[in-house]
């Protein structure tokens, strides 16, 4: 990306067509699971916040896409469901050929909403 994106639309305009298609679906799934969430750019990636707190984010690199739960515990809590993906403490990497299933994304977002709400 040549310049810093100012919106998720700007961010998506700068990624490859295949990544854009997968990330647009991811964006729609996040919006459906958290309709009150606000879109923004955080540390150079597409992100969502709810009630002023970071919720989740996503990004693209040359070789993969990533989903960011914006914390250090969600990936561990869903490790069984994420066994087919490369994970680290704060990210889930996936390819355009093997994107995250919408049902799993909804679970991850709902878990983050509950965590941010103190439940």
PDB file of N, CA and C in Angstrom:
ATOM      1  N   UNK A   1       0.836  -1.171   0.000  1.00  0.00           N
ATOM      2  CA  UNK A   1       0.000   0.000   0.000  1.00  0.00           C
ATOM      3  C   UNK A   1       0.885   1.238   0.000  1.00  0.00           C
ATOM      4  N   UNK A   2       0.685   2.066  -0.961  1.00  0.00           N
ATOM      5  CA  UNK A   2       1.531   3.233  -1.134  1.00  0.00           C
ATOM      6  C   UNK A   2       1.301   4.270  -0.035  1.00  0.00           C
ATOM      7  N   UNK A   3       0.055   4.590   0.246  1.00  0.00           N
ATOM      8  CA  UNK A   3      -0.242   5.569   1.286  1.00  0.00           C
ATOM      9  C   UNK A   3      -1.115   4.918   2.348  1.00  0.00           C
ATOM     10  N   UNK A   4      -1.163   5.554   3.509  1.00  0.00           N
ATOM     11  CA  UNK A   4      -1.951   4.998   4.598  1.00  0.00           C
ATOM     12  C   UNK A   4      -3.433   5.078   4.260  1.00  0.00           C
ATOM     13  N   UNK A   5      -4.149   3.970   4.402  1.00  0.00           N
ATOM     14  CA  UNK A   5      -5.587   4.004   4.131  1.00  0.00           C
ATOM     15  C   UNK A   5      -6.310   4.820   5.203  1.00  0.00           C
ATOM     16  N   UNK A   6      -7.344   5.507   4.796  1.00  0.00           N
ATOM     17  CA  UNK A   6      -8.133   6.311   5.720  1.00  0.00           C
ATOM     18  C   UNK A   6      -9.427   5.612   6.128  1.00  0.00           C
ATOM     19  N   UNK A   7      -9.793   4.557   5.388  1.00  0.00           N
ATOM     20  CA  UNK A   7     -11.025   3.817   5.666  1.00  0.00           C
ATOM     21  C   UNK A   7     -10.828   2.367   5.234  1.00  0.00           C
ATOM     22  N   UNK A   8     -11.765   1.520   5.617  1.00  0.00           N
ATOM     23  CA  UNK A   8     -11.682   0.128   5.187  1.00  0.00           C
ATOM     24  C   UNK A   8     -11.833   0.039   3.675  1.00  0.00           C
ATOM     25  N   UNK A   9     -12.654   0.891   3.088  1.00  0.00           N
ATOM     26  CA  UNK A   9     -12.770   0.903   1.630  1.00  0.00           C
ATOM     27  C   UNK A   9     -11.419   1.206   0.980  1.00  0.00           C
ATOM     28  N   UNK A  10     -10.697   2.176   1.513  1.00  0.00           N
ATOM     29  CA  UNK A  10      -9.353   2.496   1.007  1.00  0.00           C
ATOM     30  C   UNK A  10      -8.425   1.288   1.171  1.00  0.00           C
ATOM     31  N   UNK A  11      -8.511   0.656   2.327  1.00  0.00           N
ATOM     32  CA  UNK A  11      -7.662  -0.498   2.599  1.00  0.00           C
ATOM     33  C   UNK A  11      -7.924  -1.600   1.573  1.00  0.00           C
ATOM     34  N   UNK A  12      -9.191  -1.913   1.367  1.00  0.00           N
ATOM     35  CA  UNK A  12      -9.539  -3.000   0.449  1.00  0.00           C
ATOM     36  C   UNK A  12      -9.206  -2.672  -1.002  1.00  0.00           C
ATOM     37  N   UNK A  13      -9.239  -1.406  -1.347  1.00  0.00           N
ATOM     38  CA  UNK A  13      -8.912  -1.006  -2.721  1.00  0.00           C
ATOM     39  C   UNK A  13      -7.457  -1.305  -3.067  1.00  0.00           C
ATOM     40  N   UNK A  14      -6.622  -1.435  -2.054  1.00  0.00           N
ATOM     41  CA  UNK A  14      -5.184  -1.624  -2.278  1.00  0.00           C
ATOM     42  C   UNK A  14      -4.737  -3.083  -2.247  1.00  0.00           C
ATOM     43  N   UNK A  15      -5.652  -4.027  -1.986  1.00  0.00           N
ATOM     44  CA  UNK A  15      -5.260  -5.435  -1.945  1.00  0.00           C
ATOM     45  C   UNK A  15      -5.654  -6.129  -3.245  1.00  0.00           C
ATOM     46  N   UNK A  16      -5.142  -7.342  -3.449  1.00  0.00           N
ATOM     47  CA  UNK A  16      -5.431  -8.082  -4.676  1.00  0.00           C
ATOM     48  C   UNK A  16      -6.924  -8.415  -4.779  1.00  0.00           C
ATOM     49  N   UNK A  17      -7.373  -8.698  -5.982  1.00  0.00           N
ATOM     50  CA  UNK A  17      -8.788  -8.997  -6.204  1.00  0.00           C
ATOM     51  C   UNK A  17      -9.268 -10.193  -5.389  1.00  0.00           C
ATOM     52  N   UNK A  18      -8.474 -11.263  -5.354  1.00  0.00           N
ATOM     53  CA  UNK A  18      -8.904 -12.454  -4.616  1.00  0.00           C
ATOM     54  C   UNK A  18      -8.947 -12.181  -3.114  1.00  0.00           C
ATOM     55  N   UNK A  19      -7.976 -11.434  -2.594  1.00  0.00           N
ATOM     56  CA  UNK A  19      -8.006 -11.077  -1.179  1.00  0.00           C
ATOM     57  C   UNK A  19      -9.175 -10.137  -0.883  1.00  0.00           C
ATOM     58  N   UNK A  20      -9.422  -9.194  -1.767  1.00  0.00           N
ATOM     59  CA  UNK A  20     -10.520  -8.244  -1.569  1.00  0.00           C
ATOM     60  C   UNK A  20     -11.849  -8.991  -1.458  1.00  0.00           C
ATOM     61  N   UNK A  21     -12.073  -9.965  -2.321  1.00  0.00           N
ATOM     62  CA  UNK A  21     -13.329 -10.718  -2.291  1.00  0.00           C
ATOM     63  C   UNK A  21     -13.507 -11.442  -0.952  1.00  0.00           C
ATOM     64  N   UNK A  22     -12.455 -12.089  -0.474  1.00  0.00           N
ATOM     65  CA  UNK A  22     -12.517 -12.813   0.796  1.00  0.00           C
ATOM     66  C   UNK A  22     -12.689 -11.836   1.961  1.00  0.00           C
ATOM     67  N   UNK A  23     -11.960 -10.737   1.934  1.00  0.00           N
ATOM     68  CA  UNK A  23     -12.037  -9.771   3.033  1.00  0.00           C
ATOM     69  C   UNK A  23     -13.364  -9.018   3.043  1.00  0.00           C
ATOM     70  N   UNK A  24     -13.970  -8.793   1.877  1.00  0.00           N
ATOM     71  CA  UNK A  24     -15.299  -8.169   1.840  1.00  0.00           C
ATOM     72  C   UNK A  24     -16.331  -9.073   2.515  1.00  0.00           C
ATOM     73  N   UNK A  25     -16.239 -10.381   2.270  1.00  0.00           N
ATOM     74  CA  UNK A  25     -17.154 -11.326   2.932  1.00  0.00           C
ATOM     75  C   UNK A  25     -16.918 -11.317   4.433  1.00  0.00           C
ATOM     76  N   UNK A  26     -15.653 -11.278   4.828  1.00  0.00           N
ATOM     77  CA  UNK A  26     -15.317 -11.209   6.246  1.00  0.00           C
ATOM     78  C   UNK A  26     -15.895  -9.939   6.869  1.00  0.00           C
ATOM     79  N   UNK A  27     -15.742  -8.839   6.191  1.00  0.00           N
ATOM     80  CA  UNK A  27     -16.272  -7.556   6.663  1.00  0.00           C
ATOM     81  C   UNK A  27     -17.788  -7.629   6.856  1.00  0.00           C
ATOM     82  N   UNK A  28     -18.489  -8.210   5.892  1.00  0.00           N
ATOM     83  CA  UNK A  28     -19.951  -8.331   5.986  1.00  0.00           C
ATOM     84  C   UNK A  28     -20.355  -9.222   7.157  1.00  0.00           C
ATOM     85  N   UNK A  29     -19.603 -10.279   7.378  1.00  0.00           N
ATOM     86  CA  UNK A  29     -19.904 -11.178   8.492  1.00  0.00           C
ATOM     87  C   UNK A  29     -19.694 -10.461   9.823  1.00  0.00           C
ATOM     88  N   UNK A  30     -18.621  -9.710   9.940  1.00  0.00           N
ATOM     89  CA  UNK A  30     -18.354  -8.944  11.165  1.00  0.00           C
ATOM     90  C   UNK A  30     -19.460  -7.924  11.384  1.00  0.00           C
ATOM     91  N   UNK A  31     -19.847  -7.209  10.330  1.00  0.00           N
ATOM     92  CA  UNK A  31     -20.901  -6.186  10.446  1.00  0.00           C
ATOM     93  C   UNK A  31     -22.220  -6.817  10.890  1.00  0.00           C
ATOM     94  N   UNK A  32     -22.524  -8.008  10.361  1.00  0.00           N
ATOM     95  CA  UNK A  32     -23.767  -8.687  10.740  1.00  0.00           C
ATOM     96  C   UNK A  32     -23.726  -9.127  12.206  1.00  0.00           C
ATOM     97  N   UNK A  33     -22.578  -9.568  12.670  1.00  0.00           N
ATOM     98  CA  UNK A  33     -22.439 -10.027  14.058  1.00  0.00           C
ATOM     99  C   UNK A  33     -22.363  -8.867  15.047  1.00  0.00           C
ATOM    100  N   UNK A  34     -21.893  -7.721  14.578  1.00  0.00           N
ATOM    101  CA  UNK A  34     -21.744  -6.542  15.451  1.00  0.00           C
ATOM    102  C   UNK A  34     -22.212  -5.297  14.689  1.00  0.00           C
ATOM    103  N   UNK A  35     -23.514  -5.192  14.451  1.00  0.00           N
ATOM    104  CA  UNK A  35     -24.014  -4.090  13.620  1.00  0.00           C
ATOM    105  C   UNK A  35     -23.751  -2.693  14.176  1.00  0.00           C
ATOM    106  N   UNK A  36     -23.527  -2.577  15.474  1.00  0.00           N
ATOM    107  CA  UNK A  36     -23.269  -1.268  16.072  1.00  0.00           C
ATOM    108  C   UNK A  36     -21.794  -0.891  16.030  1.00  0.00           C
ATOM    109  N   UNK A  37     -20.946  -1.812  15.599  1.00  0.00           N
ATOM    110  CA  UNK A  37     -19.503  -1.560  15.590  1.00  0.00           C
ATOM    111  C   UNK A  37     -19.142  -0.504  14.554  1.00  0.00           C
ATOM    112  N   UNK A  38     -18.138   0.255  14.878  1.00  0.00           N
ATOM    113  CA  UNK A  38     -17.634   1.331  14.024  1.00  0.00           C
ATOM    114  C   UNK A  38     -16.380   0.842  13.298  1.00  0.00           C
ATOM    115  N   UNK A  39     -16.315   1.109  12.013  1.00  0.00           N
ATOM    116  CA  UNK A  39     -15.134   0.752  11.230  1.00  0.00           C
ATOM    117  C   UNK A  39     -14.070   1.831  11.376  1.00  0.00           C
ATOM    118  N   UNK A  40     -12.809   1.400  11.402  1.00  0.00           N
ATOM    119  CA  UNK A  40     -11.702   2.353  11.429  1.00  0.00           C
ATOM    120  C   UNK A  40     -10.430   1.636  11.012  1.00  0.00           C
ATOM    121  N   UNK A  41      -9.362   2.386  10.885  1.00  0.00           N
ATOM    122  CA  UNK A  41      -8.056   1.815  10.581  1.00  0.00           C
ATOM    123  C   UNK A  41      -7.237   1.879  11.867  1.00  0.00           C
ATOM    124  N   UNK A  42      -6.660   0.728  12.260  1.00  0.00           N
ATOM    125  CA  UNK A  42      -5.897   0.635  13.494  1.00  0.00           C
ATOM    126  C   UNK A  42      -4.564  -0.042  13.179  1.00  0.00           C
ATOM    127  N   UNK A  43      -3.480   0.650  13.418  1.00  0.00           N
ATOM    128  CA  UNK A  43      -2.146   0.119  13.113  1.00  0.00           C
ATOM    129  C   UNK A  43      -2.041  -0.364  11.669  1.00  0.00           C
ATOM    130  N   UNK A  44      -2.678   0.338  10.774  1.00  0.00           N
ATOM    131  CA  UNK A  44      -2.578   0.032   9.353  1.00  0.00           C
ATOM    132  C   UNK A  44      -3.450  -1.094   8.849  1.00  0.00           C
ATOM    133  N   UNK A  45      -4.325  -1.642   9.695  1.00  0.00           N
ATOM    134  CA  UNK A  45      -5.230  -2.697   9.247  1.00  0.00           C
ATOM    135  C   UNK A  45      -6.678  -2.273   9.458  1.00  0.00           C
ATOM    136  N   UNK A  46      -7.567  -2.949   8.749  1.00  0.00           N
ATOM    137  CA  UNK A  46      -8.999  -2.701   8.889  1.00  0.00           C
ATOM    138  C   UNK A  46      -9.448  -3.209  10.256  1.00  0.00           C
ATOM    139  N   UNK A  47     -10.235  -2.410  10.961  1.00  0.00           N
ATOM    140  CA  UNK A  47     -10.630  -2.800  12.314  1.00  0.00           C
ATOM    141  C   UNK A  47     -12.033  -2.303  12.636  1.00  0.00           C
ATOM    142  N   UNK A  48     -12.553  -2.861  13.716  1.00  0.00           N
ATOM    143  CA  UNK A  48     -13.871  -2.482  14.223  1.00  0.00           C
ATOM    144  C   UNK A  48     -13.738  -2.227  15.710  1.00  0.00           C
ATOM    145  N   UNK A  49     -14.482  -1.235  16.198  1.00  0.00           N
ATOM    146  CA  UNK A  49     -14.539  -0.997  17.639  1.00  0.00           C
ATOM    147  C   UNK A  49     -16.001  -0.850  18.031  1.00  0.00           C
ATOM    148  N   UNK A  50     -16.264  -1.201  19.263  1.00  0.00           N
ATOM    149  CA  UNK A  50     -17.626  -1.150  19.788  1.00  0.00           C
ATOM    150  C   UNK A  50     -17.568  -0.497  21.154  1.00  0.00           C
ATOM    151  N   UNK A  51     -18.368   0.527  21.328  1.00  0.00           N
ATOM    152  CA  UNK A  51     -18.385   1.269  22.587  1.00  0.00           C
ATOM    153  C   UNK A  51     -16.998   1.773  22.964  1.00  0.00           C
ATOM    154  N   UNK A  52     -16.240   2.204  21.956  1.00  0.00           N
ATOM    155  CA  UNK A  52     -14.920   2.771  22.176  1.00  0.00           C
ATOM    156  C   UNK A  52     -13.810   1.758  22.398  1.00  0.00           C
ATOM    157  N   UNK A  53     -14.128   0.465  22.373  1.00  0.00           N
ATOM    158  CA  UNK A  53     -13.126  -0.576  22.606  1.00  0.00           C
ATOM    159  C   UNK A  53     -12.862  -1.342  21.315  1.00  0.00           C
ATOM    160  N   UNK A  54     -11.594  -1.639  21.056  1.00  0.00           N
ATOM    161  CA  UNK A  54     -11.242  -2.439  19.885  1.00  0.00           C
ATOM    162  C   UNK A  54     -11.948  -3.782  19.961  1.00  0.00           C
ATOM    163  N   UNK A  55     -12.476  -4.210  18.822  1.00  0.00           N
ATOM    164  CA  UNK A  55     -13.221  -5.463  18.774  1.00  0.00           C
ATOM    165  C   UNK A  55     -12.438  -6.513  17.986  1.00  0.00           C
ATOM    166  N   UNK A  56     -12.357  -6.353  16.689  1.00  0.00           N
ATOM    167  CA  UNK A  56     -11.612  -7.269  15.813  1.00  0.00           C
ATOM    168  C   UNK A  56     -11.057  -6.480  14.637  1.00  0.00           C
ATOM    169  N   UNK A  57     -10.154  -7.113  13.911  1.00  0.00           N
ATOM    170  CA  UNK A  57      -9.615  -6.489  12.715  1.00  0.00           C
ATOM    171  C   UNK A  57      -9.220  -7.539  11.708  1.00  0.00           C
ATOM    172  N   UNK A  58      -8.856  -7.082  10.509  1.00  0.00           N
ATOM    173  CA  UNK A  58      -8.369  -8.000   9.494  1.00  0.00           C
ATOM    174  C   UNK A  58      -7.378  -7.294   8.594  1.00  0.00           C
ATOM    175  N   UNK A  59      -6.566  -8.084   7.928  1.00  0.00           N
ATOM    176  CA  UNK A  59      -5.553  -7.517   7.053  1.00  0.00           C
ATOM    177  C   UNK A  59      -5.133  -8.501   5.984  1.00  0.00           C
ATOM    178  N   UNK A  60      -4.304  -8.005   5.083  1.00  0.00           N
ATOM    179  CA  UNK A  60      -3.784  -8.829   3.989  1.00  0.00           C
ATOM    180  C   UNK A  60      -2.289  -8.586   3.843  1.00  0.00           C
ATOM    181  N   UNK A  61      -1.570  -9.650   3.534  1.00  0.00           N
ATOM    182  CA  UNK A  61      -0.155  -9.541   3.187  1.00  0.00           C
ATOM    183  C   UNK A  61       0.007 -10.251   1.843  1.00  0.00           C
ATOM    184  N   UNK A  62       1.220 -10.321   1.346  1.00  0.00           N
ATOM    185  CA  UNK A  62       1.417 -10.938   0.034  1.00  0.00           C
ATOM    186  C   UNK A  62       0.961 -12.389  -0.012  1.00  0.00           C
ATOM    187  N   UNK A  63       1.170 -13.131   1.070  1.00  0.00           N
ATOM    188  CA  UNK A  63       0.922 -14.572   1.029  1.00  0.00           C
ATOM    189  C   UNK A  63      -0.318 -15.055   1.777  1.00  0.00           C
ATOM    190  N   UNK A  64      -0.942 -14.211   2.562  1.00  0.00           N
ATOM    191  CA  UNK A  64      -2.102 -14.646   3.339  1.00  0.00           C
ATOM    192  C   UNK A  64      -2.933 -13.448   3.793  1.00  0.00           C
ATOM    193  N   UNK A  65      -4.076 -13.770   4.387  1.00  0.00           N
ATOM    194  CA  UNK A  65      -4.912 -12.783   5.059  1.00  0.00           C
ATOM    195  C   UNK A  65      -4.890 -13.124   6.545  1.00  0.00           C
ATOM    196  N   UNK A  66      -5.252 -12.166   7.370  1.00  0.00           N
ATOM    197  CA  UNK A  66      -5.262 -12.395   8.815  1.00  0.00           C
ATOM    198  C   UNK A  66      -6.515 -11.817   9.443  1.00  0.00           C
ATOM    199  N   UNK A  67      -6.959 -12.466  10.503  1.00  0.00           N
ATOM    200  CA  UNK A  67      -8.047 -11.988  11.347  1.00  0.00           C
ATOM    201  C   UNK A  67      -7.424 -11.726  12.710  1.00  0.00           C
ATOM    202  N   UNK A  68      -7.709 -10.567  13.273  1.00  0.00           N
ATOM    203  CA  UNK A  68      -7.125 -10.168  14.554  1.00  0.00           C
ATOM    204  C   UNK A  68      -8.217 -10.012  15.613  1.00  0.00           C
ATOM    205  N   UNK A  69      -8.227 -10.859  16.640  1.00  0.00           N
ATOM    206  CA  UNK A  69      -9.209 -10.713  17.707  1.00  0.00           C
ATOM    207  C   UNK A  69      -8.946  -9.535  18.648  1.00  0.00           C
ATOM    208  N   UNK A  70      -7.833  -8.853  18.471  1.00  0.00           N
ATOM    209  CA  UNK A  70      -7.495  -7.669  19.272  1.00  0.00           C
ATOM    210  C   UNK A  70      -7.358  -7.968  20.764  1.00  0.00           C
ATOM    211  N   UNK A  71      -6.921  -9.188  21.066  1.00  0.00           N
ATOM    212  CA  UNK A  71      -6.614  -9.553  22.444  1.00  0.00           C
ATOM    213  C   UNK A  71      -5.705 -10.769  22.427  1.00  0.00           C
ATOM    214  N   UNK A  72      -5.344 -11.262  23.574  1.00  0.00           N
ATOM    215  CA  UNK A  72      -4.447 -12.405  23.633  1.00  0.00           C
ATOM    216  C   UNK A  72      -5.099 -13.706  24.055  1.00  0.00           C
ATOM    217  N   UNK A  73      -6.416 -13.726  24.225  1.00  0.00           N
ATOM    218  CA  UNK A  73      -7.058 -14.932  24.751  1.00  0.00           C
ATOM    219  C   UNK A  73      -8.038 -15.617  23.804  1.00  0.00           C
ATOM    220  N   UNK A  74      -8.573 -14.930  22.834  1.00  0.00           N
ATOM    221  CA  UNK A  74      -9.599 -15.511  21.969  1.00  0.00           C
ATOM    222  C   UNK A  74      -9.069 -16.668  21.132  1.00  0.00           C
ATOM    223  N   UNK A  75      -7.878 -16.525  20.575  1.00  0.00           N
ATOM    224  CA  UNK A  75      -7.312 -17.600  19.757  1.00  0.00           C
ATOM    225  C   UNK A  75      -7.187 -18.875  20.591  1.00  0.00           C
ATOM    226  N   UNK A  76      -6.695 -18.759  21.807  1.00  0.00           N
ATOM    227  CA  UNK A  76      -6.549 -19.929  22.675  1.00  0.00           C
ATOM    228  C   UNK A  76      -7.906 -20.544  23.010  1.00  0.00           C
ATOM    229  N   UNK A  77      -8.900 -19.715  23.237  1.00  0.00           N
ATOM    230  CA  UNK A  77     -10.232 -20.212  23.585  1.00  0.00           C
ATOM    231  C   UNK A  77     -10.878 -20.998  22.442  1.00  0.00           C
ATOM    232  N   UNK A  78     -10.488 -20.704  21.211  1.00  0.00           N
ATOM    233  CA  UNK A  78     -11.065 -21.365  20.036  1.00  0.00           C
ATOM    234  C   UNK A  78     -10.052 -22.259  19.316  1.00  0.00           C
ATOM    235  N   UNK A  79      -9.027 -22.713  20.027  1.00  0.00           N
ATOM    236  CA  UNK A  79      -7.942 -23.453  19.379  1.00  0.00           C
ATOM    237  C   UNK A  79      -8.420 -24.698  18.642  1.00  0.00           C
ATOM    238  N   UNK A  80      -9.415 -25.399  19.159  1.00  0.00           N
ATOM    239  CA  UNK A  80      -9.900 -26.601  18.471  1.00  0.00           C
ATOM    240  C   UNK A  80     -10.528 -26.250  17.125  1.00  0.00           C
ATOM    241  N   UNK A  81     -11.298 -25.181  17.094  1.00  0.00           N
ATOM    242  CA  UNK A  81     -11.950 -24.768  15.849  1.00  0.00           C
ATOM    243  C   UNK A  81     -10.979 -24.112  14.866  1.00  0.00           C
ATOM    244  N   UNK A  82      -9.816 -23.720  15.357  1.00  0.00           N
ATOM    245  CA  UNK A  82      -8.822 -23.044  14.524  1.00  0.00           C
ATOM    246  C   UNK A  82      -7.661 -23.954  14.136  1.00  0.00           C
ATOM    247  N   UNK A  83      -7.785 -25.247  14.375  1.00  0.00           N
ATOM    248  CA  UNK A  83      -6.667 -26.172  14.142  1.00  0.00           C
ATOM    249  C   UNK A  83      -6.212 -26.223  12.679  1.00  0.00           C
ATOM    250  N   UNK A  84      -7.068 -25.842  11.735  1.00  0.00           N
ATOM    251  CA  UNK A  84      -6.701 -25.862  10.313  1.00  0.00           C
ATOM    252  C   UNK A  84      -6.077 -24.554   9.833  1.00  0.00           C
ATOM    253  N   UNK A  85      -5.802 -23.650  10.778  1.00  0.00           N
ATOM    254  CA  UNK A  85      -5.245 -22.348  10.432  1.00  0.00           C
ATOM    255  C   UNK A  85      -3.974 -22.103  11.227  1.00  0.00           C
ATOM    256  N   UNK A  86      -3.090 -21.322  10.659  1.00  0.00           N
ATOM    257  CA  UNK A  86      -1.893 -20.904  11.398  1.00  0.00           C
ATOM    258  C   UNK A  86      -2.308 -19.793  12.345  1.00  0.00           C
ATOM    259  N   UNK A  87      -1.971 -19.956  13.613  1.00  0.00           N
ATOM    260  CA  UNK A  87      -2.361 -18.952  14.603  1.00  0.00           C
ATOM    261  C   UNK A  87      -1.171 -18.509  15.432  1.00  0.00           C
ATOM    262  N   UNK A  88      -1.317 -17.350  16.007  1.00  0.00           N
ATOM    263  CA  UNK A  88      -0.404 -16.873  17.039  1.00  0.00           C
ATOM    264  C   UNK A  88      -1.304 -16.353  18.154  1.00  0.00           C
ATOM    265  N   UNK A  89      -0.734 -15.815  19.171  1.00  0.00           N
ATOM    266  CA  UNK A  89      -1.530 -15.339  20.305  1.00  0.00           C
ATOM    267  C   UNK A  89      -2.609 -14.335  19.877  1.00  0.00           C
ATOM    268  N   UNK A  90      -2.293 -13.501  18.894  1.00  0.00           N
ATOM    269  CA  UNK A  90      -3.231 -12.448  18.525  1.00  0.00           C
ATOM    270  C   UNK A  90      -3.676 -12.430  17.078  1.00  0.00           C
ATOM    271  N   UNK A  91      -3.415 -13.512  16.321  1.00  0.00           N
ATOM    272  CA  UNK A  91      -3.847 -13.500  14.925  1.00  0.00           C
ATOM    273  C   UNK A  91      -4.160 -14.894  14.406  1.00  0.00           C
ATOM    274  N   UNK A  92      -4.987 -14.913  13.397  1.00  0.00           N
ATOM    275  CA  UNK A  92      -5.356 -16.137  12.703  1.00  0.00           C
ATOM    276  C   UNK A  92      -5.080 -15.895  11.227  1.00  0.00           C
ATOM    277  N   UNK A  93      -4.157 -16.663  10.660  1.00  0.00           N
ATOM    278  CA  UNK A  93      -3.813 -16.505   9.248  1.00  0.00           C
ATOM    279  C   UNK A  93      -4.617 -17.493   8.414  1.00  0.00           C
ATOM    280  N   UNK A  94      -5.049 -17.032   7.239  1.00  0.00           N
ATOM    281  CA  UNK A  94      -5.798 -17.893   6.339  1.00  0.00           C
ATOM    282  C   UNK A  94      -5.520 -17.489   4.901  1.00  0.00           C
ATOM    283  N   UNK A  95      -5.748 -18.423   4.006  1.00  0.00           N
ATOM    284  CA  UNK A  95      -5.533 -18.150   2.585  1.00  0.00           C
ATOM    285  C   UNK A  95      -6.870 -17.841   1.918  1.00  0.00           C
ATOM    286  N   UNK A  96      -6.801 -17.305   0.726  1.00  0.00           N
ATOM    287  CA  UNK A  96      -8.039 -17.041  -0.008  1.00  0.00           C
ATOM    288  C   UNK A  96      -8.711 -18.353  -0.400  1.00  0.00           C
ATOM    289  N   UNK A  97      -7.935 -19.425  -0.520  1.00  0.00           N
ATOM    290  CA  UNK A  97      -8.492 -20.737  -0.860  1.00  0.00           C
ATOM    291  C   UNK A  97      -9.145 -21.412   0.345  1.00  0.00           C
ATOM    292  N   UNK A  98      -8.775 -20.985   1.553  1.00  0.00           N
ATOM    293  CA  UNK A  98      -9.307 -21.574   2.779  1.00  0.00           C
ATOM    294  C   UNK A  98      -9.663 -20.472   3.777  1.00  0.00           C
ATOM    295  N   UNK A  99     -10.661 -19.647   3.431  1.00  0.00           N
ATOM    296  CA  UNK A  99     -11.017 -18.538   4.327  1.00  0.00           C
ATOM    297  C   UNK A  99     -11.693 -19.032   5.598  1.00  0.00           C
ATOM    298  N   UNK A 100     -11.759 -18.168   6.582  1.00  0.00           N
ATOM    299  CA  UNK A 100     -12.452 -18.512   7.823  1.00  0.00           C
ATOM    300  C   UNK A 100     -13.946 -18.661   7.535  1.00  0.00           C
ATOM    301  N   UNK A 101     -14.570 -19.719   8.044  1.00  0.00           N
ATOM    302  CA  UNK A 101     -16.015 -19.877   7.847  1.00  0.00           C
ATOM    303  C   UNK A 101     -16.791 -18.768   8.564  1.00  0.00           C
ATOM    304  N   UNK A 102     -17.873 -18.323   7.949  1.00  0.00           N
ATOM    305  CA  UNK A 102     -18.680 -17.242   8.526  1.00  0.00           C
ATOM    306  C   UNK A 102     -19.169 -17.591   9.923  1.00  0.00           C
ATOM    307  N   UNK A 103     -19.567 -18.838  10.141  1.00  0.00           N
ATOM    308  CA  UNK A 103     -20.063 -19.237  11.464  1.00  0.00           C
ATOM    309  C   UNK A 103     -18.975 -19.082  12.531  1.00  0.00           C
ATOM    310  N   UNK A 104     -17.745 -19.411  12.180  1.00  0.00           N
ATOM    311  CA  UNK A 104     -16.635 -19.254  13.124  1.00  0.00           C
ATOM    312  C   UNK A 104     -16.345 -17.774  13.375  1.00  0.00           C
ATOM    313  N   UNK A 105     -16.384 -16.968  12.345  1.00  0.00           N
ATOM    314  CA  UNK A 105     -16.161 -15.525  12.510  1.00  0.00           C
ATOM    315  C   UNK A 105     -17.223 -14.945  13.434  1.00  0.00           C
ATOM    316  N   UNK A 106     -18.471 -15.343  13.250  1.00  0.00           N
ATOM    317  CA  UNK A 106     -19.543 -14.858  14.128  1.00  0.00           C
ATOM    318  C   UNK A 106     -19.258 -15.236  15.579  1.00  0.00           C
ATOM    319  N   UNK A 107     -18.806 -16.470  15.824  1.00  0.00           N
ATOM    320  CA  UNK A 107     -18.476 -16.900  17.183  1.00  0.00           C
ATOM    321  C   UNK A 107     -17.342 -16.065  17.770  1.00  0.00           C
ATOM    322  N   UNK A 108     -16.321 -15.827  16.966  1.00  0.00           N
ATOM    323  CA  UNK A 108     -15.183 -15.039  17.436  1.00  0.00           C
ATOM    324  C   UNK A 108     -15.608 -13.616  17.785  1.00  0.00           C
ATOM    325  N   UNK A 109     -16.422 -13.012  16.923  1.00  0.00           N
ATOM    326  CA  UNK A 109     -16.886 -11.640  17.173  1.00  0.00           C
ATOM    327  C   UNK A 109     -17.770 -11.602  18.413  1.00  0.00           C
ATOM    328  N   UNK A 110     -18.688 -12.545  18.543  1.00  0.00           N
ATOM    329  CA  UNK A 110     -19.566 -12.581  19.717  1.00  0.00           C
ATOM    330  C   UNK A 110     -18.756 -12.779  21.007  1.00  0.00           C
ATOM    331  N   UNK A 111     -17.713 -13.609  20.934  1.00  0.00           N
ATOM    332  CA  UNK A 111     -16.843 -13.803  22.094  1.00  0.00           C
ATOM    333  C   UNK A 111     -16.146 -12.502  22.476  1.00  0.00           C
ATOM    334  N   UNK A 112     -15.704 -11.757  21.478  1.00  0.00           N
ATOM    335  CA  UNK A 112     -15.032 -10.482  21.753  1.00  0.00           C
ATOM    336  C   UNK A 112     -16.011  -9.460  22.321  1.00  0.00           C
ATOM    337  N   UNK A 113     -17.243  -9.444  21.806  1.00  0.00           N
ATOM    338  CA  UNK A 113     -18.258  -8.524  22.349  1.00  0.00           C
ATOM    339  C   UNK A 113     -18.498  -8.839  23.825  1.00  0.00           C
ATOM    340  N   UNK A 114     -18.657 -10.128  24.124  1.00  0.00           N
ATOM    341  CA  UNK A 114     -18.884 -10.537  25.516  1.00  0.00           C
ATOM    342  C   UNK A 114     -17.693 -10.161  26.395  1.00  0.00           C
ATOM    343  N   UNK A 115     -16.499 -10.392  25.880  1.00  0.00           N
ATOM    344  CA  UNK A 115     -15.298 -10.059  26.653  1.00  0.00           C
ATOM    345  C   UNK A 115     -15.230  -8.551  26.918  1.00  0.00           C
ATOM    346  N   UNK A 116     -15.481  -7.756  25.896  1.00  0.00           N
ATOM    347  CA  UNK A 116     -15.439  -6.300  26.074  1.00  0.00           C
ATOM    348  C   UNK A 116     -16.524  -5.795  27.021  1.00  0.00           C
ATOM    349  N   UNK A 117     -17.620  -6.547  27.102  1.00  0.00           N
ATOM    350  CA  UNK A 117     -18.707  -6.168  27.989  1.00  0.00           C
ATOM    351  C   UNK A 117     -18.483  -6.636  29.419  1.00  0.00           C
ATOM    352  N   UNK A 118     -17.403  -7.397  29.631  1.00  0.00           N
ATOM    353  CA  UNK A 118     -17.082  -7.870  30.962  1.00  0.00           C
ATOM    354  C   UNK A 118     -17.800  -9.152  31.341  1.00  0.00           C
ATOM    355  N   UNK A 119     -18.336  -9.845  30.331  1.00  0.00           N
ATOM    356  CA  UNK A 119     -19.035 -11.109  30.631  1.00  0.00           C
ATOM    357  C   UNK A 119     -18.135 -12.281  30.364  1.00  0.00           C
TER     358      UNK A 119
END
